[in-house]
C-alpha atoms as a PDB file:
ATOM      1  CA  MET A   1      -1.500  12.402  22.794  1.00  0.00           C
ATOM      2  CA  LYS A   2      -0.390  13.003  19.234  1.00  0.00           C
ATOM      3  CA  THR A   3      -2.948  12.005  16.477  1.00  0.00           C
ATOM      4  CA  ILE A   4      -2.241   9.406  14.163  1.00  0.00           C
ATOM      5  CA  LYS A   5      -1.509  12.001  11.220  1.00  0.00           C
ATOM      6  CA  GLN A   6       1.160  13.896  13.527  1.00  0.00           C
ATOM      7  CA  GLN A   7       2.849  10.465  14.450  1.00  0.00           C
ATOM      8  CA  PHE A   8       2.823   9.640  10.707  1.00  0.00           C
ATOM      9  CA  ASN A   9       4.339  13.005   9.789  1.00  0.00           C
ATOM     10  CA  GLU A  10       7.182  12.624  12.258  1.00  0.00           C
ATOM     11  CA  MET A  11       8.453   9.430  11.443  1.00  0.00           C
ATOM     12  CA  ASN A  12      11.994   9.187  10.386  1.00  0.00           C
ATOM     13  CA  LEU A  13      11.305   6.582   7.696  1.00  0.00           C
ATOM     14  CA  LEU A  14      10.364   6.690   4.215  1.00  0.00           C
ATOM     15  CA  PRO A  15       6.590   6.242   4.066  1.00  0.00           C
ATOM     16  CA  VAL A  16       6.596   3.231   1.650  1.00  0.00           C
ATOM     17  CA  PHE A  17       6.006  -0.548   1.988  1.00  0.00           C
ATOM     18  CA  GLU A  18       8.282  -2.748  -0.416  1.00  0.00           C
ATOM     19  CA  MET A  19       7.249  -6.174  -1.187  1.00  0.00           C
ATOM     20  CA  GLU A  20       9.274  -8.592  -3.195  1.00  0.00           C
ATOM     21  CA  VAL A  21       7.433 -10.156  -5.955  1.00  0.00           C
ATOM     22  CA  ILE A  22       7.825 -12.439  -9.156  1.00  0.00           C
ATOM     23  CA  ASP A  23       6.620 -10.973 -12.551  1.00  0.00           C
ATOM     24  CA  LYS A  24       4.248 -13.697 -13.709  1.00  0.00           C
ATOM     25  CA  ARG A  25       4.805 -12.199 -17.301  1.00  0.00           C
ATOM     26  CA  THR A  26       8.537 -12.742 -17.190  1.00  0.00           C
ATOM     27  CA  GLY A  27       9.344 -14.841 -14.379  1.00  0.00           C
ATOM     28  CA  GLU A  28      11.696 -12.408 -12.936  1.00  0.00           C
ATOM     29  CA  ASN A  29      11.965 -10.936  -9.369  1.00  0.00           C
ATOM     30  CA  ASP A  30      10.906  -7.467  -8.994  1.00  0.00           C
ATOM     31  CA  TYR A  31       9.756  -5.398  -6.135  1.00  0.00           C
ATOM     32  CA  ILE A  32       6.435  -3.350  -5.652  1.00  0.00           C
ATOM     33  CA  ILE A  33       6.540  -0.075  -3.981  1.00  0.00           C
ATOM     34  CA  PHE A  34       3.596   1.235  -2.228  1.00  0.00           C
ATOM     35  CA  ASP A  35       3.977   4.935  -1.532  1.00  0.00           C
ATOM     36  CA  ILE A  36       1.945   5.799   1.603  1.00  0.00           C
ATOM     37  CA  THR A  37       0.049   9.062   1.924  1.00  0.00           C
ATOM     38  CA  ILE A  38      -2.712  10.230   4.227  1.00  0.00           C
ATOM     39  CA  ASP A  39      -6.261  10.959   2.581  1.00  0.00           C
ATOM     40  CA  GLU A  40      -7.459  13.631   5.035  1.00  0.00           C
ATOM     41  CA  GLU A  41     -10.832  14.184   3.568  1.00  0.00           C
ATOM     42  CA  LYS A  42     -11.559  10.405   3.758  1.00  0.00           C
ATOM     43  CA  LYS A  43      -9.494   9.689   6.744  1.00  0.00           C
ATOM     44  CA  GLU A  44      -7.657   6.994   5.614  1.00  0.00           C
ATOM     45  CA  PHE A  45      -4.315   5.867   4.675  1.00  0.00           C
ATOM     46  CA  ARG A  46      -3.654   5.364   0.835  1.00  0.00           C
ATOM     47  CA  ALA A  47      -0.998   3.534  -0.579  1.00  0.00           C
ATOM     48  CA  GLU A  48      -0.351   3.995  -4.388  1.00  0.00           C
ATOM     49  CA  HIS A  49       1.112   1.556  -6.517  1.00  0.00           C
ATOM     50  CA  ILE A  50       2.075   0.190 -10.084  1.00  0.00           C
ATOM     51  CA  PRO A  51      -0.968  -1.463 -11.887  1.00  0.00           C
ATOM     52  CA  LEU A  52      -1.544  -4.977 -10.716  1.00  0.00           C
ATOM     53  CA  THR A  53      -4.415  -5.920 -12.869  1.00  0.00           C
ATOM     54  CA  GLU A  54      -5.196  -5.359 -16.537  1.00  0.00           C
ATOM     55  CA  GLU A  55      -8.017  -3.174 -15.592  1.00  0.00           C
ATOM     56  CA  GLN A  56      -5.616  -0.866 -13.616  1.00  0.00           C
ATOM     57  CA  SER A  57      -3.319  -0.887 -16.412  1.00  0.00           C
ATOM     58  CA  TYR A  58      -5.952   0.924 -18.634  1.00  0.00           C
ATOM     59  CA  SER A  59      -7.396   2.980 -15.987  1.00  0.00           C
ATOM     60  CA  LYS A  60      -6.576   6.768 -15.941  1.00  0.00           C
ATOM     61  CA  TYR A  61      -6.455   6.697 -12.456  1.00  0.00           C
ATOM     62  CA  ILE A  62      -3.422   5.815 -10.261  1.00  0.00           C
ATOM     63  CA  ALA A  63      -3.971   2.294  -8.564  1.00  0.00           C
ATOM     64  CA  PHE A  64      -4.147   2.471  -4.798  1.00  0.00           C
ATOM     65  CA  VAL A  65      -5.409   0.371  -1.792  1.00  0.00           C
ATOM     66  CA  SER A  66      -6.529   2.385   1.445  1.00  0.00           C
ATOM     67  CA  SER A  67      -7.467   1.476   4.896  1.00  0.00           C
ATOM     68  CA  GLU A  68      -9.570   3.746   7.350  1.00  0.00           C
ATOM     69  CA  ILE A  69      -7.570   5.376  10.034  1.00  0.00           C
ATOM     70  CA  ASP A  70      -8.763   4.228  13.512  1.00  0.00           C
ATOM     71  CA  GLU A  71      -7.655   6.744  16.040  1.00  0.00           C
ATOM     72  CA  ASP A  72      -8.559   4.142  18.810  1.00  0.00           C
ATOM     73  CA  PHE A  73      -5.545   2.028  17.729  1.00  0.00           C
ATOM     74  CA  SER A  74      -1.900   2.935  17.374  1.00  0.00           C
ATOM     75  CA  LEU A  75       0.037   3.990  14.183  1.00  0.00           C
ATOM     76  CA  ASP A  76       1.690   0.646  14.006  1.00  0.00           C
ATOM     77  CA  GLN A  77      -1.796  -1.093  14.014  1.00  0.00           C
ATOM     78  CA  ASN A  78      -3.202   1.249  11.510  1.00  0.00           C
ATOM     79  CA  LEU A  79      -0.114   0.662   9.114  1.00  0.00           C
ATOM     80  CA  ALA A  80      -0.318  -3.048   9.788  1.00  0.00           C
ATOM     81  CA  GLU A  81      -3.934  -3.033   8.506  1.00  0.00           C
ATOM     82  CA  LEU A  82      -2.662  -1.010   5.353  1.00  0.00           C
ATOM     83  CA  SER A  83       0.105  -3.532   5.015  1.00  0.00           C
ATOM     84  CA  GLU A  84      -2.334  -6.319   4.799  1.00  0.00           C
ATOM     85  CA  ALA A  85      -4.412  -4.478   2.179  1.00  0.00           C
ATOM     86  CA  CYS A  86      -1.157  -4.145   0.057  1.00  0.00           C
ATOM     87  CA  TYR A  87      -0.530  -7.982   0.594  1.00  0.00           C
ATOM     88  CA  TYR A  88      -4.140  -8.761  -0.773  1.00  0.00           C
ATOM     89  CA  ALA A  89      -3.614  -6.603  -3.758  1.00  0.00           C
ATOM     90  CA  ILE A  90      -0.801  -8.636  -4.742  1.00  0.00           C
ATOM     91  CA  LEU A  91      -2.402 -11.914  -4.081  1.00  0.00           C
ATOM     92  CA  GLU A  92      -5.362 -10.742  -6.345  1.00  0.00           C
ATOM     93  CA  SER A  93      -2.852  -9.358  -9.012  1.00  0.00           C
ATOM     94  CA  GLU A  94      -2.859 -10.587 -12.694  1.00  0.00           C
ATOM     95  CA  PHE A  95       0.816  -9.565 -13.056  1.00  0.00           C
ATOM     96  CA  TYR A  96       2.745 -10.524  -9.863  1.00  0.00           C
ATOM     97  CA  GLU A  97       2.833 -13.043  -7.045  1.00  0.00           C
ATOM     98  CA  LEU A  98       4.487 -12.782  -3.605  1.00  0.00           C
ATOM     99  CA  LYS A  99       7.864 -14.205  -3.613  1.00  0.00           C
ATOM    100  CA  ASN A 100       8.423 -16.626  -0.846  1.00  0.00           C
END
């Protein structure tokens, strides 16, 4: 059976999540892109994104959310967990809110 990493690398899809949001600062519709990679050292999925908070905007590091890869579950289930982490990052954002 293929590992989660192998399945992820063989996908014929762009490894991103795109979420429609409203910029609280301007009231305009926008999209936030979460670029998904695998951190092999930590054995987790990582979704890098634009700064969602004041703290992130001043940090020298790239903002991201992550979720541990669990080989007992499918790739879809692992990515669903990462998607949920992205969703909650937007809910906690100072700059954006999810568009209904």
